Protein backbone atom coordinates (compact mmCIF):
# COMPACT_ATOMS: atom_id res chain seq x y z
CA MET A 1 -1.09 -36.01 -4.12
CA VAL A 2 -2.19 -36.25 -7.73
CA PRO A 3 -3.02 -39.92 -8.40
CA ARG A 4 -0.89 -41.85 -10.83
CA GLY A 5 -2.26 -41.63 -14.33
CA VAL A 6 -3.63 -38.11 -13.85
CA ASP A 7 -1.77 -35.81 -16.23
CA MET A 8 -2.03 -32.30 -14.75
CA ASP A 9 -1.13 -29.15 -16.63
CA VAL A 10 -0.79 -26.42 -13.99
CA GLN A 11 -1.71 -23.54 -16.29
CA LYS A 12 -4.70 -25.38 -17.68
CA ASP A 13 -5.89 -27.33 -14.65
CA CYS A 14 -4.99 -25.07 -11.70
CA VAL A 15 -5.36 -21.48 -12.97
CA LEU A 16 -8.49 -19.35 -13.31
CA HIS A 17 -7.57 -16.16 -15.12
CA SER A 18 -9.92 -13.18 -15.09
CA ARG A 19 -9.67 -9.47 -15.71
CA ASN A 20 -11.86 -6.80 -14.14
CA GLY A 21 -13.42 -9.62 -12.15
CA GLN A 22 -14.85 -11.51 -15.12
CA PHE A 23 -14.18 -14.52 -17.30
CA GLY A 24 -14.05 -13.78 -20.98
CA ASN A 25 -11.94 -10.71 -20.28
CA GLY A 26 -9.15 -13.08 -19.32
CA THR A 27 -8.12 -16.39 -20.84
CA SER A 28 -10.32 -18.63 -18.66
CA GLN A 29 -13.97 -19.37 -19.36
CA LEU A 30 -16.90 -20.16 -17.10
CA SER A 31 -16.69 -23.83 -18.10
CA ASP A 32 -13.15 -24.00 -16.68
CA VAL A 33 -14.51 -23.66 -13.15
CA THR A 34 -16.57 -26.83 -13.45
CA ARG A 35 -13.78 -28.69 -15.19
CA ILE A 36 -11.09 -27.74 -12.65
CA LEU A 37 -13.23 -28.48 -9.62
CA ASN A 38 -14.18 -31.86 -11.10
CA ILE A 39 -10.49 -32.68 -11.54
CA ALA A 40 -9.83 -31.58 -7.96
CA GLN A 41 -12.68 -33.75 -6.72
CA THR A 42 -11.36 -36.74 -8.67
CA THR A 43 -7.91 -36.47 -7.10
CA ALA A 44 -9.47 -36.67 -3.60
CA PRO A 45 -6.61 -34.67 -2.02
CA ALA A 46 -5.93 -35.58 1.61
CA SER A 47 -5.20 -31.93 2.48
CA GLY A 48 -8.19 -30.64 0.57
CA LEU A 49 -8.42 -27.65 -1.72
CA VAL A 50 -6.07 -24.66 -1.62
CA LEU A 51 -7.31 -21.44 -3.21
CA HIS A 52 -4.44 -19.00 -3.77
CA PHE A 53 -5.07 -15.30 -4.41
CA HIS A 54 -1.97 -13.37 -5.44
CA GLY A 55 -1.53 -9.63 -5.00
CA GLY A 56 -3.52 -7.39 -7.30
CA LEU A 57 -0.75 -5.36 -8.95
CA VAL A 58 1.09 -8.17 -10.74
CA ASN A 59 0.62 -8.90 -14.43
CA GLU A 60 -0.68 -12.14 -15.94
CA GLN A 61 2.77 -13.56 -16.58
CA SER A 62 3.80 -12.99 -12.95
CA GLY A 63 0.54 -14.46 -11.68
CA ARG A 64 1.04 -17.57 -13.78
CA SER A 65 4.67 -17.83 -12.65
CA ILE A 66 3.49 -17.86 -9.05
CA ALA A 67 1.19 -20.76 -9.92
CA THR A 68 4.02 -22.64 -11.68
CA PHE A 69 6.27 -22.21 -8.64
CA LEU A 70 3.77 -23.01 -5.89
CA ALA A 71 1.57 -25.68 -7.48
CA PRO A 72 4.03 -28.58 -7.05
CA LYS A 73 4.68 -27.51 -3.46
CA TYR A 74 0.96 -27.46 -2.64
CA ILE A 75 0.55 -30.81 -4.38
CA ALA A 76 3.42 -32.23 -2.32
CA ALA A 77 1.48 -31.05 0.74
CA LYS A 78 -1.34 -33.33 -0.53
CA ALA A 79 -3.62 -30.47 -1.59
CA TYR A 80 -5.16 -29.56 -4.92
CA PRO A 81 -4.29 -25.93 -5.77
CA VAL A 82 -6.41 -23.44 -7.65
CA PHE A 83 -4.82 -20.07 -8.44
CA PHE A 84 -6.95 -17.01 -9.08
CA VAL A 85 -4.92 -14.93 -11.52
CA TRP A 86 -6.67 -11.56 -11.59
CA GLU A 87 -3.89 -9.30 -12.73
CA SER A 88 -3.82 -5.60 -13.27
CA GLY A 89 -0.07 -5.43 -13.81
CA LEU A 90 0.06 -1.81 -12.71
CA ILE A 91 2.77 -1.82 -10.04
CA GLU A 92 5.27 -0.89 -12.74
CA THR A 93 3.04 2.03 -13.76
CA ILE A 94 3.05 3.30 -10.19
CA LYS A 95 6.82 2.89 -9.87
CA ASN A 96 7.45 4.55 -13.22
CA ASN A 97 5.25 7.49 -12.24
CA LEU A 98 7.10 7.84 -8.95
CA ASN A 99 10.46 7.80 -10.69
CA ASP A 100 9.21 10.54 -13.03
CA ILE A 101 8.12 12.58 -10.01
CA LEU A 102 11.55 12.08 -8.40
CA ALA A 103 13.16 13.77 -11.41
CA ASP A 104 10.78 16.75 -11.25
CA PRO A 105 12.57 19.87 -9.91
CA ALA A 106 9.32 21.07 -8.34
CA PHE A 107 9.04 17.87 -6.27
CA ARG A 108 12.63 18.14 -5.08
CA GLU A 109 12.33 21.79 -4.09
CA LEU A 110 8.95 21.36 -2.39
CA SER A 111 10.32 18.40 -0.40
CA LYS A 112 13.38 20.38 0.67
CA LYS A 113 11.33 23.39 1.67
CA VAL A 114 8.76 21.36 3.61
CA ALA A 115 11.48 19.42 5.45
CA GLU A 116 13.29 22.65 6.31
CA TRP A 117 10.23 24.20 7.93
CA VAL A 118 9.07 21.02 9.64
CA LEU A 119 12.46 20.83 11.33
CA LYS A 120 12.30 24.49 12.29
CA ARG A 121 8.86 24.15 13.82
CA LEU A 122 9.68 20.87 15.57
CA GLY A 123 12.59 22.48 17.31
CA GLY A 124 16.06 22.62 15.86
CA GLN A 125 17.96 19.88 14.12
CA VAL A 126 15.68 16.98 15.00
CA GLY A 127 15.88 14.40 12.25
CA MET A 128 19.10 15.77 10.74
CA LYS A 129 22.59 14.42 11.13
CA GLY A 130 24.06 15.99 14.24
CA ALA A 131 22.94 16.93 17.71
CA PRO A 132 19.28 17.68 18.39
CA GLY A 133 18.35 21.18 19.36
CA GLN A 134 20.82 23.00 17.15
CA ALA A 135 19.69 25.66 14.71
CA ILE A 136 18.95 24.56 11.15
CA ASN A 137 21.76 25.09 8.69
CA GLU A 138 19.50 25.73 5.73
CA GLN A 139 22.16 25.57 3.05
CA LEU A 140 23.63 22.36 4.46
CA LEU A 141 20.18 20.76 4.56
CA ARG A 142 19.51 21.70 0.93
CA THR A 143 22.93 20.46 -0.17
CA GLU A 144 22.42 17.14 1.61
CA PHE A 145 19.02 16.77 -0.05
CA ASP A 146 20.62 17.39 -3.45
CA THR A 147 23.26 14.75 -2.69
CA TRP A 148 20.52 12.30 -1.70
CA PHE A 149 18.34 13.00 -4.74
CA GLU A 150 21.36 12.50 -7.00
CA GLY A 151 21.96 9.05 -5.49
CA ARG A 152 25.26 9.99 -3.86
CA SER A 153 24.21 9.47 -0.23
CA PRO A 154 23.30 6.20 1.54
CA ALA A 155 20.48 7.78 3.55
CA PRO A 156 18.17 10.80 3.34
CA PRO A 157 19.26 13.87 5.30
CA VAL A 158 16.16 13.83 7.50
CA THR A 159 15.47 10.75 9.56
CA ASP A 160 14.07 9.67 12.90
CA GLU A 161 16.90 7.19 13.36
CA GLY A 162 19.36 8.10 16.08
CA SER A 163 17.69 11.44 16.77
CA ALA A 164 15.59 12.88 19.52
CA VAL A 165 12.21 12.86 17.80
CA PRO A 166 10.12 15.57 19.46
CA THR A 167 6.96 14.98 21.40
CA VAL A 168 4.51 17.28 19.68
CA GLY A 169 1.42 18.10 21.70
CA MET A 170 -1.86 18.32 19.83
CA LYS A 171 -2.49 21.73 21.37
CA GLY A 172 0.80 22.98 19.98
CA ALA A 173 0.15 21.46 16.57
CA ALA A 174 -3.37 22.88 16.41
CA GLY A 175 -1.97 26.28 17.34
CA LEU A 176 0.11 26.58 14.17
CA ASP A 177 -1.25 29.49 12.16
CA GLU A 178 -1.10 28.89 8.42
CA ASP A 179 -0.85 32.54 7.45
CA ASP A 180 1.84 33.33 10.03
CA LEU A 181 3.86 30.33 8.92
CA ALA A 182 3.40 31.30 5.27
CA ALA A 183 4.66 34.80 6.01
CA ASP A 184 7.80 33.35 7.62
CA ILE A 185 8.35 31.01 4.68
CA GLU A 186 7.91 33.81 2.14
CA ALA A 187 10.36 36.02 4.02
CA GLY A 188 13.10 33.45 3.53
CA LEU A 189 12.59 32.73 -0.17
CA ASP A 190 15.16 35.28 -1.36
CA GLY A 191 17.81 33.06 0.22
CA ASP A 192 16.72 30.00 -1.79
CA PRO A 193 17.19 30.66 -5.51
CA ASP A 194 16.82 26.98 -6.46
CA PHE A 195 13.31 26.88 -4.98
CA GLN A 196 12.39 30.13 -6.71
CA ASP A 197 13.71 28.90 -10.04
CA ALA A 198 11.80 25.59 -9.95
CA ILE A 199 8.51 27.22 -8.92
CA GLN A 200 8.95 30.08 -11.40
CA ARG A 201 9.48 27.61 -14.24
CA LEU A 202 6.40 25.65 -13.15
CA TYR A 203 4.39 28.86 -13.05
CA ASN A 204 5.61 29.91 -16.50
CA ALA A 205 4.56 26.56 -17.97
CA HIS A 206 1.20 26.66 -16.17
CA ALA A 207 0.39 30.22 -17.18
CA GLY A 208 1.90 30.03 -20.64
CA ILE A 209 4.08 33.09 -20.09
CA THR A 210 7.77 33.88 -19.84
CA ILE A 211 7.95 36.78 -17.43
CA ALA A 212 10.24 36.82 -14.45
CA THR A 213 8.53 38.05 -11.29
CA ARG A 214 11.19 37.70 -8.62
CA GLY A 215 14.92 37.57 -8.14
CA THR A 216 15.62 34.41 -10.14
CA GLY A 217 15.27 36.25 -13.43
CA THR A 218 14.28 33.10 -15.34
CA THR A 219 11.99 33.34 -18.33
CA ALA A 220 12.13 29.59 -19.03
CA ALA A 221 9.19 27.25 -18.54
CA ALA A 222 9.21 23.75 -17.09
CA GLN A 223 9.37 21.19 -19.89
CA THR A 224 6.78 18.98 -18.20
CA MET A 225 4.15 19.68 -15.57
CA LEU A 226 3.76 16.69 -13.28
CA VAL A 227 2.19 18.73 -10.48
CA ASP A 228 -1.57 18.13 -10.49
CA GLU A 229 -3.74 20.80 -12.08
CA ARG A 230 -5.64 21.18 -8.80
CA ALA A 231 -2.37 21.85 -6.97
CA ARG A 232 -1.21 24.30 -9.64
CA ARG A 233 -4.40 26.27 -9.23
CA ASP A 234 -3.77 26.39 -5.47
CA LEU A 235 -0.21 27.53 -6.07
CA PHE A 236 -1.07 30.02 -8.82
CA PRO A 237 -4.72 31.12 -8.44
CA ALA A 238 -4.07 34.40 -10.26
CA ALA A 239 -3.25 32.54 -13.49
CA GLY A 240 -6.86 32.04 -14.54
CA ALA A 241 -8.48 31.22 -17.85
CA THR A 242 -8.90 34.86 -18.86
CA THR A 243 -5.79 36.42 -17.33
CA LYS A 244 -2.18 35.41 -17.04
CA GLY A 245 -1.81 37.21 -13.74
CA VAL A 246 1.42 37.24 -11.76
CA LEU A 247 3.16 34.77 -9.53
CA VAL A 248 2.19 35.60 -5.93
CA TRP A 249 4.90 34.20 -3.69
CA PHE A 250 2.81 34.42 -0.53
CA THR A 251 0.33 32.00 -2.13
CA VAL A 252 3.20 29.61 -2.88
CA ALA A 253 4.41 29.96 0.71
CA LYS A 254 0.91 29.23 1.97
CA PHE A 255 0.80 26.04 -0.10
CA VAL A 256 4.07 24.95 1.53
CA ALA A 257 2.75 25.92 4.97
CA LYS A 258 -0.25 23.62 4.58
CA VAL A 259 2.04 20.70 3.84
CA VAL A 260 4.33 21.57 6.76
CA ILE A 261 1.38 21.65 9.14
CA ALA A 262 0.10 18.32 7.79
CA VAL A 263 3.44 16.67 8.60
CA ILE A 264 3.61 18.20 12.08
CA LYS A 265 0.05 17.12 12.90
CA ARG A 266 0.93 13.55 11.94
CA TYR A 267 3.78 13.64 14.45
CA ALA A 268 1.45 15.10 17.05
CA LYS A 269 -0.96 12.20 16.57
CA GLY A 270 1.75 9.53 16.49
CA ARG A 271 0.86 8.83 12.83
CA ALA A 272 4.14 9.68 11.10
CA HIS A 273 6.01 7.20 8.89
CA GLY A 274 9.47 8.53 9.64
CA MET A 275 10.55 12.06 8.86
CA TYR A 276 11.60 11.59 5.24
CA CYS A 277 8.75 9.35 4.10
CA THR A 278 6.16 11.48 5.88
CA VAL A 279 7.43 14.58 4.11
CA VAL A 280 7.35 12.73 0.78
CA GLU A 281 3.84 11.40 1.42
CA GLU A 282 2.47 14.85 2.23
CA VAL A 283 4.18 16.51 -0.74
CA LEU A 284 2.77 13.81 -3.03
CA ARG A 285 -0.67 14.17 -1.45
CA ALA A 286 -0.66 17.92 -1.95
CA ALA A 287 0.81 18.07 -5.43
CA TYR A 288 0.99 14.71 -7.23
CA MET A 289 -1.99 12.54 -6.29
CA ASP A 290 -3.09 12.11 -9.90
CA LYS A 291 0.13 10.23 -10.60
CA ALA A 292 0.96 8.72 -7.20
CA GLY A 293 -1.28 5.70 -7.73
CA ALA A 294 -4.42 6.12 -5.60
CA THR A 295 -6.73 5.71 -8.60
CA ILE A 296 -4.88 2.57 -9.72
CA TRP A 297 -4.88 1.11 -6.22
CA ASN A 298 -8.57 1.64 -5.60
CA GLN A 299 -9.54 0.40 -9.06
CA MET A 300 -7.55 -2.73 -8.34
CA LYS A 301 -9.46 -3.22 -5.08
CA LYS A 302 -12.70 -2.69 -6.98
CA ASP A 303 -11.71 -5.62 -9.20
CA THR A 304 -11.99 -7.91 -6.17
CA ALA A 305 -15.56 -6.75 -5.60
CA ASP A 306 -16.40 -7.04 -9.31
CA ALA A 307 -15.36 -10.70 -9.17
CA PHE A 308 -18.43 -11.31 -7.00
CA GLY A 309 -21.07 -9.49 -9.01
CA ASP A 310 -24.44 -10.96 -9.99
CA ASP A 311 -23.32 -12.00 -13.47
CA ASP A 312 -22.38 -15.68 -13.75
CA ALA A 313 -19.30 -14.58 -15.69
CA CYS A 314 -17.94 -13.06 -12.49
CA CYS A 315 -15.03 -15.23 -11.44
CA GLY A 316 -15.63 -15.43 -7.70
CA THR A 317 -19.41 -15.79 -8.03
CA ALA A 318 -19.03 -18.64 -10.50
CA PHE A 319 -16.58 -20.45 -8.24
CA VAL A 320 -18.65 -20.36 -5.05
CA LYS A 321 -21.77 -21.40 -6.98
CA GLU A 322 -19.94 -24.39 -8.44
CA LEU A 323 -18.69 -25.34 -4.96
CA ALA A 324 -22.30 -25.21 -3.78
CA LYS A 325 -23.39 -27.50 -6.64
CA LEU A 326 -20.72 -30.03 -5.74
CA ARG A 327 -21.73 -29.94 -2.11
CA ALA A 328 -25.39 -30.40 -3.01
CA ASN A 329 -24.36 -33.55 -4.87
CA GLY A 330 -22.49 -34.86 -1.84
CA LYS A 331 -19.05 -33.97 -3.16
CA THR A 332 -16.93 -32.20 -0.58
CA PHE A 333 -13.30 -31.53 0.24
CA SER A 334 -11.66 -32.51 3.51
CA LYS A 335 -10.87 -28.82 4.03
CA ILE A 336 -10.49 -25.61 2.07
CA THR A 337 -7.55 -23.31 2.72
CA LEU A 338 -7.61 -19.73 1.46
CA VAL A 339 -4.19 -18.15 0.89
CA GLY A 340 -4.03 -14.43 0.15
CA HIS A 341 -0.89 -12.43 -0.58
CA SER A 342 -1.07 -8.64 -0.34
CA THR A 343 -4.40 -7.53 -1.87
CA GLY A 344 -5.29 -11.19 -2.21
CA ALA A 345 -6.43 -10.79 1.41
CA VAL A 346 -9.07 -8.30 0.20
CA TYR A 347 -10.17 -10.94 -2.32
CA ILE A 348 -10.53 -13.46 0.52
CA CYS A 349 -12.81 -11.11 2.47
CA GLN A 350 -15.01 -10.80 -0.61
CA PHE A 351 -14.90 -14.59 -1.05
CA LEU A 352 -16.11 -15.16 2.52
CA ASP A 353 -19.06 -12.81 1.94
CA ALA A 354 -20.06 -14.60 -1.27
CA ALA A 355 -19.59 -18.10 0.15
CA ALA A 356 -21.80 -17.28 3.14
CA LYS A 357 -24.75 -16.73 0.81
CA VAL A 358 -24.68 -20.19 -0.80
CA LEU A 359 -22.54 -22.23 1.64
CA PRO A 360 -23.40 -20.82 5.06
CA ASP A 361 -22.05 -23.83 6.97
CA LEU A 362 -18.79 -24.26 5.05
CA LYS A 363 -15.65 -23.57 7.10
CA PHE A 364 -12.27 -22.35 5.94
CA SER A 365 -8.65 -22.16 7.01
CA ILE A 366 -7.07 -18.82 6.15
CA ILE A 367 -3.45 -17.77 5.63
CA PHE A 368 -2.56 -14.16 4.97
CA LEU A 369 0.81 -13.24 3.44
CA ALA A 370 1.71 -9.56 4.01
CA PRO A 371 -1.99 -8.69 3.68
CA ALA A 372 -2.82 -5.29 2.19
CA VAL A 373 -6.33 -5.34 3.64
CA ARG A 374 -7.45 -2.60 5.99
CA HIS A 375 -8.39 -3.40 9.58
CA GLU A 376 -11.82 -1.97 8.86
CA ARG A 377 -12.46 -4.49 6.06
CA PHE A 378 -11.02 -7.47 7.91
CA ALA A 379 -12.90 -6.59 11.11
CA ALA A 380 -16.15 -6.57 9.13
CA ALA A 381 -15.30 -10.01 7.70
CA LEU A 382 -14.57 -11.31 11.20
CA THR A 383 -17.86 -9.97 12.54
CA ALA A 384 -19.75 -11.78 9.78
CA HIS A 385 -17.68 -14.95 9.39
CA GLN A 386 -15.37 -15.63 12.35
CA GLN A 387 -17.35 -18.71 13.34
CA ARG A 388 -16.53 -20.21 9.95
CA ILE A 389 -12.77 -19.67 10.25
CA VAL A 390 -11.29 -22.87 11.69
CA GLY A 391 -7.69 -21.70 11.60
CA PHE A 392 -5.82 -18.51 10.86
CA ARG A 393 -2.21 -17.44 10.46
CA MET A 394 -0.70 -14.24 9.12
CA PHE A 395 2.85 -13.74 7.90
CA GLY A 396 4.32 -10.23 7.77
CA MET A 397 7.52 -8.32 8.38
CA LYS A 398 8.68 -6.91 11.66
CA ASP A 399 8.36 -3.15 11.50
CA ALA A 400 12.12 -2.59 11.38
CA ILE A 401 12.33 -4.78 8.26
CA GLU A 402 9.13 -3.29 6.77
CA SER A 403 10.72 0.14 7.17
CA GLU A 404 13.78 -0.95 5.18
CA ASP A 405 11.88 -2.53 2.26
CA VAL A 406 12.46 0.19 -0.33
CA LEU A 407 9.53 0.66 -2.71
CA VAL A 408 11.24 3.16 -5.04
CA PRO A 409 14.93 3.96 -4.49
CA ILE A 410 15.53 7.52 -3.25
CA LEU A 411 11.91 8.65 -3.63
CA TYR A 412 10.26 6.28 -1.11
CA THR A 413 12.43 4.27 1.26
CA ARG A 414 9.78 2.16 2.99
CA SER A 415 7.54 -0.70 1.84
CA LEU A 416 4.55 -0.88 -0.45
CA LEU A 417 2.30 -1.32 2.60
CA TYR A 418 3.69 1.86 4.16
CA PHE A 419 3.01 3.68 0.89
CA VAL A 420 -0.52 2.27 0.69
CA SER A 421 -1.22 3.19 4.29
CA GLY A 422 0.27 6.65 3.99
CA LEU A 423 -1.06 7.74 0.65
CA LEU A 424 -3.32 5.44 -1.37
CA GLU A 425 -6.18 4.59 0.98
CA GLY A 426 -9.29 6.72 1.38
CA HIS A 427 -13.07 6.68 1.50
CA VAL A 428 -16.06 8.29 -0.15
CA ALA A 429 -17.61 11.07 1.93
CA GLY A 430 -20.84 12.12 0.27
CA THR A 431 -19.81 12.53 -3.35
CA ALA A 432 -16.17 13.40 -2.59
CA TRP A 433 -13.12 11.25 -2.06
CA GLU A 434 -11.23 11.82 1.19
CA ASP A 435 -7.74 10.52 1.92
CA ASP A 436 -7.21 8.32 4.96
CA VAL A 437 -3.78 9.24 6.26
CA ASP A 438 -1.85 6.41 7.95
CA ALA A 439 -4.74 4.03 7.25
CA PRO A 440 -4.27 0.91 9.42
CA VAL A 441 -3.29 -2.06 7.24
CA VAL A 442 -3.54 -5.56 8.74
CA GLY A 443 -0.18 -6.79 7.42
CA MET A 444 1.84 -4.10 9.21
CA GLN A 445 3.16 -4.87 12.67
CA ARG A 446 3.03 -1.23 13.77
CA TYR A 447 -0.76 -1.27 14.14
CA ILE A 448 -0.70 -4.38 16.32
CA ALA A 449 2.33 -3.38 18.38
CA ASP A 450 1.62 0.32 19.01
CA ILE A 451 -1.11 -0.08 21.59
CA ALA A 452 -0.73 3.46 22.92
CA THR A 453 -1.75 4.96 19.58
CA TYR A 454 -4.09 2.40 18.05
CA ASP A 455 -5.77 0.61 20.97
CA THR A 456 -8.12 3.52 21.56
CA GLY A 457 -11.69 4.47 20.82
CA ASP A 458 -10.50 6.12 17.62
CA PHE A 459 -9.50 2.74 16.18
CA PRO A 460 -12.17 0.17 17.11
CA ASP A 461 -11.41 -1.99 14.07
CA VAL A 462 -7.73 -2.24 14.99
CA LYS A 463 -8.72 -3.24 18.51
CA ASN A 464 -11.14 -5.89 17.21
CA VAL A 465 -8.52 -7.39 14.90
CA ARG A 466 -5.94 -7.36 17.70
CA GLN A 467 -8.38 -9.23 19.95
CA PHE A 468 -8.99 -11.81 17.24
CA LEU A 469 -5.26 -12.34 16.77
CA ALA A 470 -4.84 -12.74 20.51
CA SER A 471 -7.66 -15.30 20.79
CA SER A 472 -5.47 -18.17 19.55
CA ALA A 473 -1.81 -19.08 19.73
CA ASN A 474 0.57 -18.40 16.84
CA THR A 475 -1.78 -16.34 14.69
CA THR A 476 1.05 -14.05 13.60
CA VAL A 477 4.54 -14.71 12.27
CA TRP A 478 6.69 -11.60 11.90
CA SER A 479 9.76 -12.10 9.73
CA GLU A 480 12.48 -12.81 10.53
CA SER A 481 11.11 -15.73 12.52
CA SER A 482 12.39 -19.19 13.41
CA GLY A 483 9.50 -20.39 15.52
CA GLY A 484 9.41 -24.00 14.34
CA SER A 485 7.31 -25.88 11.81
CA GLY A 486 4.70 -23.59 10.28
CA LEU A 487 6.16 -20.58 12.07
CA ASN A 488 9.26 -19.70 10.05
CA SER A 489 9.83 -16.82 7.65
CA GLN A 490 12.87 -15.01 6.28
CA SER A 491 10.98 -12.60 4.03
CA HIS A 492 12.64 -9.19 3.74
CA LYS A 493 10.49 -7.67 1.01
CA HIS A 494 6.78 -7.40 0.37
CA GLY A 495 7.09 -9.63 -2.67
CA ASP A 496 9.05 -12.34 -0.86
CA PHE A 497 6.24 -14.13 0.93
CA ASP A 498 5.19 -16.39 -1.93
CA ASN A 499 8.76 -17.34 -2.85
CA ASP A 500 10.83 -17.17 0.34
CA ASP A 501 11.86 -20.75 1.09
CA GLU A 502 11.14 -20.66 4.82
CA THR A 503 7.77 -18.97 4.40
CA VAL A 504 6.68 -21.40 1.69
CA LYS A 505 7.75 -24.37 3.85
CA SER A 506 5.66 -22.95 6.70
CA LEU A 507 2.75 -22.44 4.35
CA CYS A 508 2.87 -26.03 3.13
CA TRP A 509 3.27 -27.36 6.67
CA ILE A 510 0.07 -25.60 7.71
CA ILE A 511 -1.78 -26.92 4.65
CA GLU A 512 -0.77 -30.51 5.39
CA GLN A 513 -0.42 -30.61 9.18
CA GLY A 514 -2.71 -27.81 10.33
CA PHE A 515 -2.15 -24.83 12.59
């Protein structure tokens, strides 16, 4: 508890605000680290120091609101809290971009066409309302998609729920011929005037012409072009810089075929995220990656690394150095608990690396809240620092609840972590960026529970993390949970974990009473 006579201002005395990893960019200064840690040392908190790292997509106001809400609860648990507010505030940018994409006729028609041919190649009406194995009613499927996109249906027309999801063999998936599939898709385009119209308008806008080339007869151009330039050049390669060319429908069909095959291969590998969201992910990957948020997401993760650069103005570097100075002067805390929500877990992994350089014998308790850190990154942190982790607990959602946490209504009906895993993660291969499809994220139950898919030689990091979690009792709490003190959570959304009453009570119990 804060001793009597100590007048604490949470925003001044418990918050370190940085931007792009550095002081000076934010409102805090390097001197604030020394001042805040000296105050914390003076209070001599029985439960030690709590360092809280919020998720990386919130803005400064939200980050400070989290501190205002949680600080008195941490103090009541007899700990001194320090909140790292390192906002980017870009989740709204991502959501706004996705809502813009939802309104794009090209997105709607590509999604409908991909879903239609995925269902055809997976065998009948799998994923649609009705009995499996029946022939696809193309017009009904398109009408139901329109009803869904207009917000007049409670669920998308393609779903794995209540249907016989096919077992797709890898041999069968690998045997799909792109050109043959494209020829079949092209042959059916005359029966889909809405698709032709949307693509024709996109082509007209891209090529700067108003010439109808097929049965739609439209000479209008799309008012906006949200489809990536790279994708437009794949769709319309004949529309070059020196010639307007013509719209080649086989090339359009081949673009669709690539996306269809990508979805089917994910089912074959057990890596799908449900029929509708997998179709959406692959359409976005093929045509809208510039606006889907991958650049924002990976820049935000880079901010966590920048916080531990060589410059003393780097927030994380300055903090661990000041902790080392205190320790050298005989000033220690009874314990240090690291709490990371969402991408805050990535920040914690960086913190452990930096602390090991100047405080190699210092040990930490760690609590993850819906962590958005990859198994690969966390496994590396465990390899380097597991001996310095004296207690660990992770809170997340059961997969059924995770699957119902809607990121963007209508466009994406699963959680932020599903979206990150399915679309935003990747790696540098040489000089190029490569997407990692269905990238294993630590905070998602599916990667821990699905042993058949992920406990294999293809996923050594998942296996290593699973073994770590199994090495002690009660390392995971999957909401909804009523497991007793320190083991309760009623979080139903990704953003709930730092404000859900039961989760916060569990968090404070761990801080005060231990694991």
